[in-house]
N, C-alpha and C. Protein backbone atom coordinates (compact mmCIF):
# COMPACT_ATOMS: atom_id res chain seq x y z
N UNK A 1 0.84 -1.18 0.00
CA UNK A 1 0.00 0.00 0.00
C UNK A 1 0.88 1.24 0.00
N UNK A 2 0.54 2.19 -0.86
CA UNK A 2 1.31 3.42 -0.94
C UNK A 2 0.57 4.52 -0.22
N UNK A 3 1.20 5.13 0.76
CA UNK A 3 0.57 6.21 1.50
C UNK A 3 0.44 7.42 0.61
N UNK A 4 -0.62 8.23 0.81
CA UNK A 4 -0.72 9.46 0.05
C UNK A 4 0.41 10.39 0.44
N UNK A 5 1.17 10.84 -0.56
CA UNK A 5 2.31 11.69 -0.28
C UNK A 5 1.96 13.13 -0.54
N UNK A 6 2.44 14.06 0.32
CA UNK A 6 2.19 15.46 0.05
C UNK A 6 2.81 15.86 -1.26
N UNK A 7 2.07 16.59 -2.08
CA UNK A 7 2.61 17.05 -3.33
C UNK A 7 3.82 17.93 -3.06
N UNK A 8 4.83 17.81 -3.90
CA UNK A 8 6.07 18.56 -3.68
C UNK A 8 5.80 20.05 -3.66
N UNK A 9 4.86 20.47 -4.53
CA UNK A 9 4.57 21.90 -4.56
C UNK A 9 3.89 22.37 -3.29
N UNK A 10 3.09 21.48 -2.67
CA UNK A 10 2.46 21.85 -1.40
C UNK A 10 3.50 21.87 -0.31
N UNK A 11 4.28 20.77 -0.21
CA UNK A 11 5.27 20.66 0.85
C UNK A 11 6.31 21.77 0.76
N UNK A 12 6.54 22.27 -0.48
CA UNK A 12 7.57 23.27 -0.65
C UNK A 12 7.06 24.69 -0.64
N UNK A 13 5.84 24.91 -0.15
CA UNK A 13 5.32 26.27 -0.10
C UNK A 13 6.24 27.18 0.70
N UNK A 14 6.51 28.35 0.19
CA UNK A 14 7.32 29.29 0.97
C UNK A 14 6.60 29.69 2.24
N UNK A 15 7.34 30.11 3.22
CA UNK A 15 6.71 30.50 4.48
C UNK A 15 5.78 31.67 4.28
N UNK A 16 6.04 32.51 3.30
CA UNK A 16 5.12 33.59 2.97
C UNK A 16 4.73 33.45 1.51
N UNK A 17 3.45 33.42 1.23
CA UNK A 17 3.00 33.23 -0.13
C UNK A 17 2.37 34.49 -0.68
N UNK A 18 1.58 34.32 -1.72
CA UNK A 18 0.86 35.44 -2.31
C UNK A 18 -0.62 35.30 -2.01
N UNK A 19 -1.30 36.28 -1.46
CA UNK A 19 -0.76 37.52 -0.89
C UNK A 19 -0.66 37.36 0.62
N UNK A 20 0.48 37.01 1.12
CA UNK A 20 0.72 36.88 2.54
C UNK A 20 0.32 35.56 3.14
N UNK A 21 0.03 34.53 2.35
CA UNK A 21 -0.33 33.23 2.89
C UNK A 21 0.91 32.41 3.18
N UNK A 22 0.94 31.80 4.38
CA UNK A 22 1.95 30.78 4.61
C UNK A 22 1.28 29.43 4.33
N UNK A 23 2.06 28.36 4.41
CA UNK A 23 1.55 27.03 4.04
C UNK A 23 0.35 26.63 4.88
N UNK A 24 0.45 26.80 6.22
CA UNK A 24 -0.62 26.38 7.11
C UNK A 24 -1.92 27.14 6.85
N UNK A 25 -1.80 28.45 6.62
CA UNK A 25 -2.99 29.26 6.39
C UNK A 25 -3.68 28.90 5.08
N UNK A 26 -2.90 28.71 4.04
CA UNK A 26 -3.46 28.33 2.75
C UNK A 26 -4.21 27.00 2.84
N UNK A 27 -3.56 26.01 3.46
CA UNK A 27 -4.21 24.71 3.60
C UNK A 27 -5.46 24.79 4.47
N UNK A 28 -5.38 25.57 5.55
CA UNK A 28 -6.52 25.68 6.46
C UNK A 28 -7.75 26.25 5.76
N UNK A 29 -7.56 27.27 4.94
CA UNK A 29 -8.68 27.85 4.20
C UNK A 29 -9.26 26.83 3.23
N UNK A 30 -8.40 26.12 2.52
CA UNK A 30 -8.87 25.13 1.54
C UNK A 30 -9.63 24.00 2.22
N UNK A 31 -9.12 23.51 3.35
CA UNK A 31 -9.80 22.43 4.07
C UNK A 31 -11.16 22.91 4.57
N UNK A 32 -11.24 24.14 5.04
CA UNK A 32 -12.52 24.69 5.49
C UNK A 32 -13.53 24.71 4.35
N UNK A 33 -13.09 25.11 3.16
CA UNK A 33 -13.98 25.15 2.01
C UNK A 33 -14.41 23.73 1.62
N UNK A 34 -13.46 22.79 1.63
CA UNK A 34 -13.81 21.40 1.34
C UNK A 34 -14.89 20.89 2.29
N UNK A 35 -14.73 21.19 3.57
CA UNK A 35 -15.69 20.70 4.56
C UNK A 35 -17.06 21.36 4.43
N UNK A 36 -17.08 22.62 4.04
CA UNK A 36 -18.36 23.33 3.94
C UNK A 36 -19.13 23.00 2.66
N UNK A 37 -18.40 22.77 1.59
CA UNK A 37 -19.06 22.58 0.30
C UNK A 37 -18.91 21.17 -0.26
N UNK A 38 -18.04 20.37 0.36
CA UNK A 38 -17.76 19.04 -0.17
C UNK A 38 -16.56 19.08 -1.09
N UNK A 39 -15.68 18.12 -0.94
CA UNK A 39 -14.46 18.13 -1.76
C UNK A 39 -14.78 18.06 -3.24
N UNK A 40 -15.68 17.15 -3.62
CA UNK A 40 -15.99 16.97 -5.04
C UNK A 40 -16.60 18.23 -5.64
N UNK A 41 -17.40 18.94 -4.85
CA UNK A 41 -18.10 20.12 -5.37
C UNK A 41 -17.23 21.37 -5.38
N UNK A 42 -16.07 21.30 -4.78
CA UNK A 42 -15.19 22.47 -4.69
C UNK A 42 -14.27 22.53 -5.89
N UNK A 43 -14.26 23.66 -6.55
CA UNK A 43 -13.36 23.87 -7.70
C UNK A 43 -12.20 24.75 -7.28
N UNK A 44 -11.19 24.77 -8.11
CA UNK A 44 -10.07 25.67 -7.84
C UNK A 44 -10.53 27.12 -7.88
N UNK A 45 -11.52 27.41 -8.72
CA UNK A 45 -12.06 28.76 -8.76
C UNK A 45 -12.72 29.15 -7.45
N UNK A 46 -13.43 28.19 -6.83
CA UNK A 46 -14.05 28.46 -5.53
C UNK A 46 -12.98 28.70 -4.47
N UNK A 47 -11.93 27.89 -4.51
CA UNK A 47 -10.83 28.10 -3.55
C UNK A 47 -10.20 29.47 -3.75
N UNK A 48 -10.02 29.87 -5.01
CA UNK A 48 -9.42 31.18 -5.29
C UNK A 48 -10.28 32.30 -4.73
N UNK A 49 -11.60 32.16 -4.86
CA UNK A 49 -12.51 33.18 -4.34
C UNK A 49 -12.37 33.31 -2.83
N UNK A 50 -12.36 32.18 -2.13
CA UNK A 50 -12.25 32.21 -0.66
C UNK A 50 -10.88 32.68 -0.20
N UNK A 51 -9.86 32.39 -0.98
CA UNK A 51 -8.52 32.84 -0.63
C UNK A 51 -8.28 34.29 -1.00
N UNK A 52 -9.09 34.81 -1.92
CA UNK A 52 -8.91 36.19 -2.36
C UNK A 52 -7.73 36.36 -3.30
N UNK A 53 -7.40 35.29 -4.02
CA UNK A 53 -6.31 35.34 -4.99
C UNK A 53 -6.78 34.68 -6.28
N UNK A 54 -6.00 34.80 -7.33
CA UNK A 54 -6.37 34.19 -8.61
C UNK A 54 -6.03 32.71 -8.61
N UNK A 55 -6.66 31.96 -9.54
CA UNK A 55 -6.33 30.54 -9.67
C UNK A 55 -4.86 30.36 -10.03
N UNK A 56 -4.34 31.24 -10.87
CA UNK A 56 -2.92 31.12 -11.24
C UNK A 56 -2.01 31.31 -10.03
N UNK A 57 -2.45 32.15 -9.08
CA UNK A 57 -1.65 32.34 -7.86
C UNK A 57 -1.66 31.07 -7.01
N UNK A 58 -2.81 30.35 -6.98
CA UNK A 58 -2.84 29.07 -6.26
C UNK A 58 -1.89 28.08 -6.92
N UNK A 59 -1.91 28.03 -8.26
CA UNK A 59 -1.06 27.08 -8.97
C UNK A 59 0.42 27.43 -8.83
N UNK A 60 0.68 28.65 -8.40
CA UNK A 60 2.08 29.02 -8.08
C UNK A 60 2.58 28.19 -6.91
N UNK A 61 1.66 27.74 -6.04
CA UNK A 61 2.02 27.01 -4.83
C UNK A 61 1.69 25.52 -4.89
N UNK A 62 0.61 25.16 -5.59
CA UNK A 62 0.18 23.76 -5.62
C UNK A 62 -0.13 23.34 -7.05
N UNK A 63 0.00 22.06 -7.31
CA UNK A 63 -0.25 21.57 -8.66
C UNK A 63 -1.71 21.22 -8.90
N UNK A 64 -2.44 20.89 -7.84
CA UNK A 64 -3.81 20.44 -8.03
C UNK A 64 -4.59 20.50 -6.72
N UNK A 65 -5.91 20.42 -6.87
CA UNK A 65 -6.79 20.32 -5.71
C UNK A 65 -6.50 19.04 -4.94
N UNK A 66 -6.21 17.97 -5.66
CA UNK A 66 -5.93 16.69 -5.01
C UNK A 66 -4.66 16.76 -4.16
N UNK A 67 -3.70 17.57 -4.58
CA UNK A 67 -2.48 17.73 -3.79
C UNK A 67 -2.78 18.36 -2.44
N UNK A 68 -3.72 19.30 -2.41
CA UNK A 68 -4.12 19.92 -1.15
C UNK A 68 -4.81 18.89 -0.27
N UNK A 69 -5.71 18.11 -0.88
CA UNK A 69 -6.40 17.05 -0.14
C UNK A 69 -5.40 16.06 0.45
N UNK A 70 -4.43 15.63 -0.36
CA UNK A 70 -3.44 14.67 0.12
C UNK A 70 -2.65 15.18 1.31
N UNK A 71 -2.28 16.45 1.29
CA UNK A 71 -1.53 17.01 2.42
C UNK A 71 -2.39 17.08 3.68
N UNK A 72 -3.65 17.50 3.52
CA UNK A 72 -4.54 17.59 4.67
C UNK A 72 -4.78 16.22 5.30
N UNK A 73 -5.01 15.21 4.46
CA UNK A 73 -5.23 13.86 4.97
C UNK A 73 -3.98 13.32 5.65
N UNK A 74 -2.83 13.61 5.08
CA UNK A 74 -1.59 13.14 5.69
C UNK A 74 -1.36 13.79 7.05
N UNK A 75 -1.73 15.05 7.19
CA UNK A 75 -1.62 15.73 8.48
C UNK A 75 -2.48 15.04 9.53
N UNK A 76 -3.72 14.70 9.15
CA UNK A 76 -4.64 14.05 10.10
C UNK A 76 -4.16 12.65 10.44
N UNK A 77 -3.86 11.87 9.42
CA UNK A 77 -3.46 10.47 9.64
C UNK A 77 -2.12 10.37 10.35
N UNK A 78 -1.21 11.25 10.00
CA UNK A 78 0.10 11.23 10.66
C UNK A 78 -0.03 11.48 12.15
N UNK A 79 -0.91 12.41 12.53
CA UNK A 79 -1.11 12.69 13.95
C UNK A 79 -1.76 11.51 14.67
N UNK A 80 -2.74 10.87 14.03
CA UNK A 80 -3.40 9.71 14.63
C UNK A 80 -2.43 8.54 14.77
N UNK A 81 -1.63 8.30 13.75
CA UNK A 81 -0.65 7.22 13.79
C UNK A 81 0.40 7.46 14.86
N UNK A 82 0.85 8.71 14.98
CA UNK A 82 1.85 9.04 16.00
C UNK A 82 1.29 8.81 17.40
N UNK A 83 0.00 9.10 17.59
CA UNK A 83 -0.62 8.89 18.89
C UNK A 83 -0.64 7.41 19.26
N UNK A 84 -1.01 6.56 18.30
CA UNK A 84 -1.02 5.12 18.54
C UNK A 84 0.39 4.59 18.73
N UNK A 85 1.34 5.12 17.97
CA UNK A 85 2.76 4.73 18.13
C UNK A 85 3.20 4.95 19.57
N UNK A 86 2.87 6.13 20.10
CA UNK A 86 3.30 6.48 21.45
C UNK A 86 2.69 5.55 22.49
N UNK A 87 1.43 5.19 22.30
CA UNK A 87 0.77 4.28 23.24
C UNK A 87 1.39 2.89 23.17
N UNK A 88 1.59 2.38 21.98
CA UNK A 88 2.15 1.03 21.83
C UNK A 88 3.57 0.94 22.36
N UNK A 89 4.35 2.00 22.21
CA UNK A 89 5.74 1.99 22.65
C UNK A 89 5.89 2.35 24.12
N UNK A 90 4.85 2.91 24.71
CA UNK A 90 4.94 3.39 26.08
C UNK A 90 4.67 2.32 27.12
N UNK A 91 4.82 2.70 28.38
CA UNK A 91 4.58 1.76 29.48
C UNK A 91 3.09 1.58 29.76
N UNK A 92 2.79 0.63 30.60
CA UNK A 92 1.40 0.44 31.04
C UNK A 92 0.87 -0.92 30.72
N UNK A 93 -0.09 -1.37 31.52
CA UNK A 93 -0.78 -2.63 31.28
C UNK A 93 -1.71 -2.47 30.07
N UNK A 94 -2.16 -3.56 29.47
CA UNK A 94 -3.02 -3.47 28.28
C UNK A 94 -4.25 -2.59 28.46
N UNK A 95 -4.95 -2.72 29.60
CA UNK A 95 -6.11 -1.88 29.83
C UNK A 95 -5.76 -0.41 29.90
N UNK A 96 -4.62 -0.10 30.49
CA UNK A 96 -4.16 1.29 30.58
C UNK A 96 -3.82 1.83 29.20
N UNK A 97 -3.30 0.96 28.33
CA UNK A 97 -2.96 1.41 26.98
C UNK A 97 -4.21 1.71 26.16
N UNK A 98 -5.26 0.92 26.36
CA UNK A 98 -6.51 1.21 25.67
C UNK A 98 -7.03 2.58 26.10
N UNK A 99 -7.01 2.85 27.39
CA UNK A 99 -7.45 4.16 27.89
C UNK A 99 -6.59 5.28 27.31
N UNK A 100 -5.28 5.07 27.28
CA UNK A 100 -4.38 6.08 26.73
C UNK A 100 -4.66 6.31 25.25
N UNK A 101 -5.00 5.24 24.52
CA UNK A 101 -5.31 5.37 23.11
C UNK A 101 -6.57 6.19 22.90
N UNK A 102 -7.57 5.99 23.75
CA UNK A 102 -8.82 6.76 23.66
C UNK A 102 -8.52 8.24 23.90
N UNK A 103 -7.80 8.53 24.97
CA UNK A 103 -7.49 9.92 25.28
C UNK A 103 -6.66 10.56 24.17
N UNK A 104 -5.67 9.85 23.69
CA UNK A 104 -4.80 10.40 22.65
C UNK A 104 -5.56 10.68 21.36
N UNK A 105 -6.45 9.76 20.98
CA UNK A 105 -7.22 9.95 19.76
C UNK A 105 -8.16 11.14 19.89
N UNK A 106 -8.78 11.30 21.05
CA UNK A 106 -9.66 12.45 21.27
C UNK A 106 -8.89 13.76 21.15
N UNK A 107 -7.71 13.80 21.71
CA UNK A 107 -6.92 15.04 21.65
C UNK A 107 -6.49 15.36 20.21
N UNK A 108 -6.15 14.33 19.44
CA UNK A 108 -5.80 14.55 18.04
C UNK A 108 -7.01 15.08 17.27
N UNK A 109 -8.19 14.51 17.54
CA UNK A 109 -9.38 14.97 16.83
C UNK A 109 -9.66 16.44 17.10
N UNK A 110 -9.41 16.90 18.31
CA UNK A 110 -9.60 18.32 18.60
C UNK A 110 -8.52 19.15 17.91
N UNK A 111 -7.27 18.72 18.02
CA UNK A 111 -6.16 19.48 17.44
C UNK A 111 -6.23 19.53 15.92
N UNK A 112 -6.75 18.47 15.31
CA UNK A 112 -6.80 18.38 13.84
C UNK A 112 -8.24 18.22 13.35
N UNK A 113 -9.17 18.89 14.02
CA UNK A 113 -10.58 18.66 13.71
C UNK A 113 -10.95 18.92 12.25
N UNK A 114 -10.51 20.00 11.61
CA UNK A 114 -10.89 20.20 10.20
C UNK A 114 -10.37 19.08 9.30
N UNK A 115 -9.11 18.69 9.50
CA UNK A 115 -8.52 17.65 8.66
C UNK A 115 -9.16 16.28 8.92
N UNK A 116 -9.45 15.99 10.21
CA UNK A 116 -10.09 14.71 10.54
C UNK A 116 -11.52 14.69 10.00
N UNK A 117 -12.22 15.80 10.07
CA UNK A 117 -13.57 15.88 9.51
C UNK A 117 -13.53 15.54 8.02
N UNK A 118 -12.56 16.09 7.32
CA UNK A 118 -12.39 15.80 5.90
C UNK A 118 -12.12 14.32 5.69
N UNK A 119 -11.26 13.74 6.52
CA UNK A 119 -10.92 12.32 6.43
C UNK A 119 -12.17 11.45 6.60
N UNK A 120 -13.00 11.79 7.57
CA UNK A 120 -14.17 10.98 7.86
C UNK A 120 -15.24 11.05 6.78
N UNK A 121 -15.14 12.05 5.90
CA UNK A 121 -16.14 12.22 4.84
C UNK A 121 -15.70 11.67 3.49
N UNK A 122 -14.55 11.01 3.45
CA UNK A 122 -14.04 10.49 2.18
C UNK A 122 -14.98 9.46 1.57
N UNK A 123 -15.02 9.45 0.24
CA UNK A 123 -15.84 8.48 -0.48
C UNK A 123 -15.01 7.46 -1.25
N UNK A 124 -13.70 7.64 -1.27
CA UNK A 124 -12.85 6.70 -1.99
C UNK A 124 -12.89 6.87 -3.49
N UNK A 125 -13.02 8.11 -3.96
CA UNK A 125 -13.15 8.37 -5.39
C UNK A 125 -11.83 8.64 -6.11
N UNK A 126 -10.72 8.51 -5.40
CA UNK A 126 -9.42 8.73 -6.03
C UNK A 126 -8.38 7.87 -5.32
N UNK A 127 -7.21 7.75 -5.94
CA UNK A 127 -6.14 6.97 -5.32
C UNK A 127 -5.72 7.57 -3.98
N UNK A 128 -5.70 8.90 -3.90
CA UNK A 128 -5.34 9.56 -2.65
C UNK A 128 -6.34 9.20 -1.55
N UNK A 129 -7.61 9.23 -1.88
CA UNK A 129 -8.65 8.90 -0.90
C UNK A 129 -8.60 7.43 -0.50
N UNK A 130 -8.40 6.54 -1.46
CA UNK A 130 -8.34 5.11 -1.16
C UNK A 130 -7.16 4.79 -0.26
N UNK A 131 -6.02 5.42 -0.53
CA UNK A 131 -4.84 5.18 0.30
C UNK A 131 -5.06 5.70 1.72
N UNK A 132 -5.72 6.85 1.84
CA UNK A 132 -6.02 7.40 3.17
C UNK A 132 -6.98 6.49 3.92
N UNK A 133 -7.96 5.95 3.23
CA UNK A 133 -8.91 5.06 3.88
C UNK A 133 -8.24 3.77 4.35
N UNK A 134 -7.25 3.29 3.60
CA UNK A 134 -6.51 2.11 4.04
C UNK A 134 -5.69 2.42 5.29
N UNK A 135 -5.09 3.59 5.34
CA UNK A 135 -4.36 3.99 6.55
C UNK A 135 -5.30 4.09 7.75
N UNK A 136 -6.51 4.58 7.50
CA UNK A 136 -7.50 4.65 8.58
C UNK A 136 -7.88 3.25 9.07
N UNK A 137 -8.04 2.31 8.14
CA UNK A 137 -8.35 0.93 8.54
C UNK A 137 -7.19 0.32 9.34
N UNK A 138 -5.96 0.68 8.97
CA UNK A 138 -4.80 0.17 9.70
C UNK A 138 -4.80 0.68 11.14
N UNK A 139 -5.23 1.91 11.35
CA UNK A 139 -5.33 2.46 12.71
C UNK A 139 -6.36 1.66 13.50
N UNK A 140 -7.49 1.32 12.86
CA UNK A 140 -8.51 0.52 13.54
C UNK A 140 -7.95 -0.85 13.91
N UNK A 141 -7.18 -1.46 13.02
CA UNK A 141 -6.59 -2.77 13.33
C UNK A 141 -5.63 -2.67 14.52
N UNK A 142 -4.85 -1.61 14.56
CA UNK A 142 -3.90 -1.44 15.67
C UNK A 142 -4.63 -1.23 16.99
N UNK A 143 -5.71 -0.48 16.96
CA UNK A 143 -6.50 -0.30 18.18
C UNK A 143 -7.12 -1.64 18.59
N UNK A 144 -7.54 -2.43 17.60
CA UNK A 144 -8.08 -3.74 17.90
C UNK A 144 -7.06 -4.64 18.58
N UNK A 145 -5.80 -4.51 18.22
CA UNK A 145 -4.74 -5.29 18.87
C UNK A 145 -4.60 -4.90 20.34
N UNK A 146 -4.71 -3.59 20.61
CA UNK A 146 -4.66 -3.14 22.00
C UNK A 146 -5.85 -3.69 22.79
N UNK A 147 -7.01 -3.67 22.17
CA UNK A 147 -8.21 -4.19 22.82
C UNK A 147 -8.07 -5.69 23.08
N UNK A 148 -7.55 -6.42 22.11
CA UNK A 148 -7.38 -7.87 22.27
C UNK A 148 -6.48 -8.20 23.45
N UNK A 149 -5.40 -7.44 23.62
CA UNK A 149 -4.51 -7.66 24.77
C UNK A 149 -5.23 -7.37 26.08
N UNK A 150 -6.07 -6.33 26.08
CA UNK A 150 -6.82 -5.99 27.29
C UNK A 150 -7.88 -7.05 27.59
N UNK A 151 -8.46 -7.65 26.55
CA UNK A 151 -9.39 -8.75 26.77
C UNK A 151 -8.70 -9.94 27.42
N UNK A 152 -7.49 -10.24 26.94
CA UNK A 152 -6.74 -11.35 27.51
C UNK A 152 -6.40 -11.09 28.97
N UNK A 153 -6.22 -9.82 29.30
CA UNK A 153 -5.90 -9.42 30.67
C UNK A 153 -7.15 -9.46 31.55
N UNK A 154 -8.32 -9.38 30.93
CA UNK A 154 -9.56 -9.40 31.67
C UNK A 154 -10.10 -8.03 32.04
N UNK A 155 -9.53 -6.97 31.46
CA UNK A 155 -9.97 -5.62 31.80
C UNK A 155 -10.95 -5.05 30.78
N UNK A 156 -11.18 -5.77 29.69
CA UNK A 156 -12.13 -5.35 28.66
C UNK A 156 -13.06 -6.51 28.36
N UNK A 157 -14.32 -6.23 28.15
CA UNK A 157 -15.32 -7.27 27.88
C UNK A 157 -14.89 -8.12 26.69
N UNK A 158 -15.26 -9.40 26.73
CA UNK A 158 -14.84 -10.34 25.69
C UNK A 158 -16.00 -10.88 24.86
N UNK A 159 -17.20 -10.31 25.02
CA UNK A 159 -18.34 -10.81 24.26
C UNK A 159 -18.47 -10.16 22.88
N UNK A 160 -17.55 -9.26 22.56
CA UNK A 160 -17.49 -8.62 21.25
C UNK A 160 -16.07 -8.79 20.74
N UNK A 161 -15.89 -9.03 19.44
CA UNK A 161 -14.55 -9.23 18.90
C UNK A 161 -13.72 -7.96 19.06
N UNK A 162 -12.40 -8.10 19.17
CA UNK A 162 -11.54 -6.92 19.33
C UNK A 162 -11.73 -5.90 18.21
N UNK A 163 -11.81 -6.38 16.95
CA UNK A 163 -11.97 -5.46 15.82
C UNK A 163 -13.28 -4.70 15.91
N UNK A 164 -14.35 -5.40 16.27
CA UNK A 164 -15.64 -4.70 16.37
C UNK A 164 -15.68 -3.73 17.54
N UNK A 165 -15.04 -4.09 18.65
CA UNK A 165 -14.95 -3.13 19.76
C UNK A 165 -14.18 -1.89 19.33
N UNK A 166 -13.10 -2.10 18.57
CA UNK A 166 -12.32 -0.96 18.08
C UNK A 166 -13.17 -0.08 17.18
N UNK A 167 -13.97 -0.71 16.33
CA UNK A 167 -14.86 0.07 15.44
C UNK A 167 -15.88 0.86 16.25
N UNK A 168 -16.47 0.22 17.26
CA UNK A 168 -17.45 0.90 18.10
C UNK A 168 -16.82 2.06 18.86
N UNK A 169 -15.62 1.84 19.38
CA UNK A 169 -14.91 2.91 20.09
C UNK A 169 -14.66 4.10 19.19
N UNK A 170 -14.14 3.81 18.00
CA UNK A 170 -13.81 4.91 17.09
C UNK A 170 -15.06 5.61 16.57
N UNK A 171 -16.16 4.86 16.42
CA UNK A 171 -17.40 5.50 16.01
C UNK A 171 -17.84 6.54 17.02
N UNK A 172 -17.75 6.19 18.31
CA UNK A 172 -18.12 7.15 19.34
C UNK A 172 -17.13 8.31 19.41
N UNK A 173 -15.86 7.99 19.35
CA UNK A 173 -14.83 9.03 19.42
C UNK A 173 -14.95 9.98 18.23
N UNK A 174 -15.10 9.43 17.03
CA UNK A 174 -15.17 10.27 15.83
C UNK A 174 -16.38 11.17 15.81
N UNK A 175 -17.43 10.80 16.56
CA UNK A 175 -18.65 11.61 16.55
C UNK A 175 -18.44 13.00 17.12
N UNK A 176 -17.34 13.22 17.84
CA UNK A 176 -17.15 14.55 18.43
C UNK A 176 -17.00 15.63 17.38
N UNK A 177 -16.58 15.27 16.16
CA UNK A 177 -16.44 16.29 15.12
C UNK A 177 -17.79 16.88 14.76
N UNK A 178 -18.88 16.17 15.09
CA UNK A 178 -20.23 16.65 14.76
C UNK A 178 -20.83 17.55 15.83
N UNK A 179 -20.29 17.47 17.05
CA UNK A 179 -20.95 18.25 18.11
C UNK A 179 -20.01 19.05 19.00
N UNK A 180 -18.72 18.73 19.04
CA UNK A 180 -17.85 19.47 19.95
C UNK A 180 -17.16 20.61 19.21
N UNK A 181 -17.17 21.79 19.81
CA UNK A 181 -16.51 22.95 19.25
C UNK A 181 -15.52 23.50 20.27
N UNK A 182 -14.22 23.37 20.00
CA UNK A 182 -13.20 23.79 20.97
C UNK A 182 -13.27 25.26 21.36
N UNK A 183 -13.89 26.09 20.51
CA UNK A 183 -13.95 27.53 20.82
C UNK A 183 -15.05 27.89 21.79
N UNK A 184 -15.81 26.90 22.25
CA UNK A 184 -16.84 27.17 23.25
C UNK A 184 -18.12 27.75 22.70
N UNK A 185 -18.36 27.56 21.39
CA UNK A 185 -19.53 28.17 20.77
C UNK A 185 -20.77 27.29 20.85
N UNK A 186 -20.91 26.51 21.92
CA UNK A 186 -22.11 25.71 22.08
C UNK A 186 -22.55 25.71 23.54
N UNK A 187 -23.85 25.49 23.79
CA UNK A 187 -24.34 25.47 25.18
C UNK A 187 -23.66 24.35 25.96
N UNK A 188 -23.47 24.57 27.25
CA UNK A 188 -22.85 23.55 28.10
C UNK A 188 -21.44 23.23 27.68
N UNK A 189 -20.73 24.23 27.19
CA UNK A 189 -19.37 24.00 26.68
C UNK A 189 -18.46 23.42 27.74
N UNK A 190 -17.67 22.45 27.30
CA UNK A 190 -16.63 21.88 28.15
C UNK A 190 -15.27 22.20 27.56
N UNK A 191 -14.27 22.38 28.41
CA UNK A 191 -12.92 22.54 27.92
C UNK A 191 -12.49 21.25 27.23
N UNK A 192 -11.39 21.30 26.52
CA UNK A 192 -10.91 20.10 25.83
C UNK A 192 -10.70 18.97 26.82
N UNK A 193 -10.03 19.23 27.92
CA UNK A 193 -9.74 18.17 28.87
C UNK A 193 -11.00 17.67 29.57
N UNK A 194 -11.96 18.55 29.80
CA UNK A 194 -13.23 18.11 30.37
C UNK A 194 -13.96 17.18 29.40
N UNK A 195 -13.93 17.56 28.13
CA UNK A 195 -14.55 16.71 27.11
C UNK A 195 -13.84 15.37 27.02
N UNK A 196 -12.50 15.38 27.03
CA UNK A 196 -11.73 14.14 26.95
C UNK A 196 -12.07 13.23 28.12
N UNK A 197 -12.15 13.79 29.32
CA UNK A 197 -12.50 12.99 30.50
C UNK A 197 -13.90 12.39 30.37
N UNK A 198 -14.86 13.21 29.93
CA UNK A 198 -16.24 12.75 29.84
C UNK A 198 -16.39 11.65 28.80
N UNK A 199 -15.85 11.85 27.61
CA UNK A 199 -16.00 10.87 26.54
C UNK A 199 -15.21 9.60 26.87
N UNK A 200 -14.02 9.76 27.45
CA UNK A 200 -13.24 8.58 27.83
C UNK A 200 -14.01 7.73 28.84
N UNK A 201 -14.66 8.40 29.79
CA UNK A 201 -15.45 7.67 30.77
C UNK A 201 -16.58 6.88 30.15
N UNK A 202 -17.26 7.46 29.16
CA UNK A 202 -18.36 6.78 28.48
C UNK A 202 -17.81 5.59 27.68
N UNK A 203 -16.72 5.81 26.95
CA UNK A 203 -16.15 4.73 26.14
C UNK A 203 -15.68 3.58 27.01
N UNK A 204 -14.95 3.90 28.07
CA UNK A 204 -14.44 2.83 28.94
C UNK A 204 -15.57 2.11 29.67
N UNK A 205 -16.63 2.84 30.02
CA UNK A 205 -17.78 2.19 30.62
C UNK A 205 -18.38 1.14 29.71
N UNK A 206 -18.45 1.44 28.43
CA UNK A 206 -18.96 0.47 27.47
C UNK A 206 -18.01 -0.70 27.27
N UNK A 207 -16.72 -0.43 27.31
CA UNK A 207 -15.74 -1.50 27.11
C UNK A 207 -15.74 -2.49 28.27
N UNK A 208 -16.01 -1.98 29.45
CA UNK A 208 -15.95 -2.84 30.63
C UNK A 208 -17.28 -3.52 30.91
N UNK A 209 -18.31 -3.10 30.20
CA UNK A 209 -19.62 -3.72 30.38
C UNK A 209 -20.19 -3.44 31.75
């Protein structure tokens, strides 16, 4: 499997672009437009309008809309993979590692919410999307391995297969992109850590039966 690679023109964006965009700002605007209008429905002309620059100015920095998508997905997946890496390599009993994985994934979703939202909405209509979806499935498999070890330890329920428990966990965790807003723009707002504690408690309660 070949991971989606950031386009060279995207990765090589100068720190200051035209007119005054750095790499992070340019990508952030494009990802926001993708999420609001749908990736397929977004044209380079639409991106140019939201950026306030010409299409030719965008092409000065990137080769294609797909290159922008690939970089955004790589940012999200790279952060999720790094979080699982840290849990697997770190100390702790299997049940503790499952809890750490839940907390770590929640924190990544908040830190990379626009990119993760885009990832969760993929339809698999291009090689970049298919490769990203395979990386996402690999993350689920790795979480399933952590769950399986915790089942063997007796700290996680064993009446559901490890892979299905991992899917159920991630389904609940991923749902935060639909309702949690880190800027506090919703009733009953919780800080990031308050949200992490609350959702982790619900997930672990389900895992322990």
